[in-house]
């Protein structure tokens, strides 16, 4: 199954996440199929969330399932489920 989920990067105590499309069996920070955007939970800049909405809609139409956290972030950016 293909999932849209968060992949952590950044240093210790400074998390940043990529919103990625990946196989559900891969590790959290393992390889991914496509990078859809990024999310900074600390909101250190004005553009702390950036999502490619068009590509996200394509993946959802092709059967990708978003995790709960990814779904919450994507809804704030206007992605329809």
C-alpha atoms as a PDB file:
ATOM      1  CA  UNK A   1       0.000   0.000   0.000  1.00  0.00           C
ATOM      2  CA  UNK A   2       1.196   3.490  -0.838  1.00  0.00           C
ATOM      3  CA  UNK A   3       0.997   6.077   1.960  1.00  0.00           C
ATOM      4  CA  UNK A   4       1.366   9.838   2.214  1.00  0.00           C
ATOM      5  CA  UNK A   5       3.185  10.428   5.482  1.00  0.00           C
ATOM      6  CA  UNK A   6       5.818  12.512   7.247  1.00  0.00           C
ATOM      7  CA  UNK A   7       9.531  11.746   7.103  1.00  0.00           C
ATOM      8  CA  UNK A   8      11.673  13.434   9.743  1.00  0.00           C
ATOM      9  CA  UNK A   9      14.855  15.338   8.988  1.00  0.00           C
ATOM     10  CA  UNK A  10      16.641  18.134  10.790  1.00  0.00           C
ATOM     11  CA  UNK A  11      18.896  18.034  13.816  1.00  0.00           C
ATOM     12  CA  UNK A  12      18.214  16.988  17.394  1.00  0.00           C
ATOM     13  CA  UNK A  13      15.583  19.180  19.074  1.00  0.00           C
ATOM     14  CA  UNK A  14      14.960  20.915  15.720  1.00  0.00           C
ATOM     15  CA  UNK A  15      12.510  18.700  13.818  1.00  0.00           C
ATOM     16  CA  UNK A  16      11.504  19.314  10.230  1.00  0.00           C
ATOM     17  CA  UNK A  17       9.388  16.946   8.204  1.00  0.00           C
ATOM     18  CA  UNK A  18       9.032  16.133   4.532  1.00  0.00           C
ATOM     19  CA  UNK A  19       5.594  15.140   3.305  1.00  0.00           C
ATOM     20  CA  UNK A  20       6.352  12.120   1.146  1.00  0.00           C
ATOM     21  CA  UNK A  21       4.707   9.338  -0.812  1.00  0.00           C
ATOM     22  CA  UNK A  22       6.179   5.985   0.164  1.00  0.00           C
ATOM     23  CA  UNK A  23       5.463   2.282   0.464  1.00  0.00           C
ATOM     24  CA  UNK A  24       3.946   1.558   3.887  1.00  0.00           C
ATOM     25  CA  UNK A  25       6.570  -1.145   4.527  1.00  0.00           C
ATOM     26  CA  UNK A  26       9.501   1.267   4.279  1.00  0.00           C
ATOM     27  CA  UNK A  27      11.077   2.759   7.439  1.00  0.00           C
ATOM     28  CA  UNK A  28       9.968   6.251   8.490  1.00  0.00           C
ATOM     29  CA  UNK A  29      13.106   7.949   7.179  1.00  0.00           C
ATOM     30  CA  UNK A  30      13.804   5.450   4.404  1.00  0.00           C
ATOM     31  CA  UNK A  31      13.552   5.996   0.681  1.00  0.00           C
ATOM     32  CA  UNK A  32      10.415   7.496  -0.778  1.00  0.00           C
ATOM     33  CA  UNK A  33       8.696   7.682  -4.147  1.00  0.00           C
ATOM     34  CA  UNK A  34       8.012  11.427  -4.277  1.00  0.00           C
ATOM     35  CA  UNK A  35       8.469  14.468  -2.051  1.00  0.00           C
ATOM     36  CA  UNK A  36       5.226  16.493  -1.877  1.00  0.00           C
ATOM     37  CA  UNK A  37       6.316  19.281   0.448  1.00  0.00           C
ATOM     38  CA  UNK A  38       7.627  20.127   3.890  1.00  0.00           C
ATOM     39  CA  UNK A  39       6.391  21.035   7.369  1.00  0.00           C
ATOM     40  CA  UNK A  40       8.121  22.854  10.245  1.00  0.00           C
ATOM     41  CA  UNK A  41       6.200  22.195  13.484  1.00  0.00           C
ATOM     42  CA  UNK A  42       8.135  24.917  15.328  1.00  0.00           C
ATOM     43  CA  UNK A  43       6.933  27.537  12.810  1.00  0.00           C
ATOM     44  CA  UNK A  44      10.303  29.280  12.657  1.00  0.00           C
ATOM     45  CA  UNK A  45       9.540  30.938   9.310  1.00  0.00           C
ATOM     46  CA  UNK A  46       6.495  32.332   7.525  1.00  0.00           C
ATOM     47  CA  UNK A  47       6.303  29.436   5.081  1.00  0.00           C
ATOM     48  CA  UNK A  48       6.415  26.633   7.635  1.00  0.00           C
ATOM     49  CA  UNK A  49       4.114  24.473   5.463  1.00  0.00           C
ATOM     50  CA  UNK A  50       4.506  24.006   1.745  1.00  0.00           C
ATOM     51  CA  UNK A  51       2.589  21.367  -0.211  1.00  0.00           C
ATOM     52  CA  UNK A  52       2.336  20.602  -3.910  1.00  0.00           C
ATOM     53  CA  UNK A  53      -1.472  20.315  -3.967  1.00  0.00           C
ATOM     54  CA  UNK A  54      -1.724  19.166  -7.596  1.00  0.00           C
ATOM     55  CA  UNK A  55       0.637  16.202  -7.128  1.00  0.00           C
ATOM     56  CA  UNK A  56      -1.048  15.321  -3.835  1.00  0.00           C
ATOM     57  CA  UNK A  57      -4.446  15.161  -5.558  1.00  0.00           C
ATOM     58  CA  UNK A  58      -2.960  12.888  -8.234  1.00  0.00           C
ATOM     59  CA  UNK A  59      -1.592  10.470  -5.628  1.00  0.00           C
ATOM     60  CA  UNK A  60      -4.866  10.438  -3.701  1.00  0.00           C
ATOM     61  CA  UNK A  61      -6.789   9.742  -6.918  1.00  0.00           C
ATOM     62  CA  UNK A  62      -4.445   6.821  -7.606  1.00  0.00           C
ATOM     63  CA  UNK A  63      -5.214   5.229  -4.235  1.00  0.00           C
ATOM     64  CA  UNK A  64      -2.585   6.585  -1.836  1.00  0.00           C
ATOM     65  CA  UNK A  65      -3.744   6.758   1.780  1.00  0.00           C
ATOM     66  CA  UNK A  66      -2.721   9.705   3.975  1.00  0.00           C
ATOM     67  CA  UNK A  67      -1.846   9.131   7.623  1.00  0.00           C
ATOM     68  CA  UNK A  68      -3.838  11.054  10.223  1.00  0.00           C
ATOM     69  CA  UNK A  69      -1.123  13.661  10.773  1.00  0.00           C
ATOM     70  CA  UNK A  70      -0.481  14.111   7.061  1.00  0.00           C
ATOM     71  CA  UNK A  71      -4.222  14.414   6.433  1.00  0.00           C
ATOM     72  CA  UNK A  72      -4.518  17.190   9.046  1.00  0.00           C
ATOM     73  CA  UNK A  73      -1.644  19.155   7.479  1.00  0.00           C
ATOM     74  CA  UNK A  74      -2.921  18.648   3.931  1.00  0.00           C
ATOM     75  CA  UNK A  75      -6.431  19.841   4.861  1.00  0.00           C
ATOM     76  CA  UNK A  76      -4.978  23.143   6.084  1.00  0.00           C
ATOM     77  CA  UNK A  77      -3.484  23.599   2.613  1.00  0.00           C
ATOM     78  CA  UNK A  78      -6.774  23.009   0.816  1.00  0.00           C
ATOM     79  CA  UNK A  79      -6.420  19.381  -0.282  1.00  0.00           C
ATOM     80  CA  UNK A  80      -9.820  17.701  -0.696  1.00  0.00           C
ATOM     81  CA  UNK A  81     -10.282  14.128   0.551  1.00  0.00           C
END
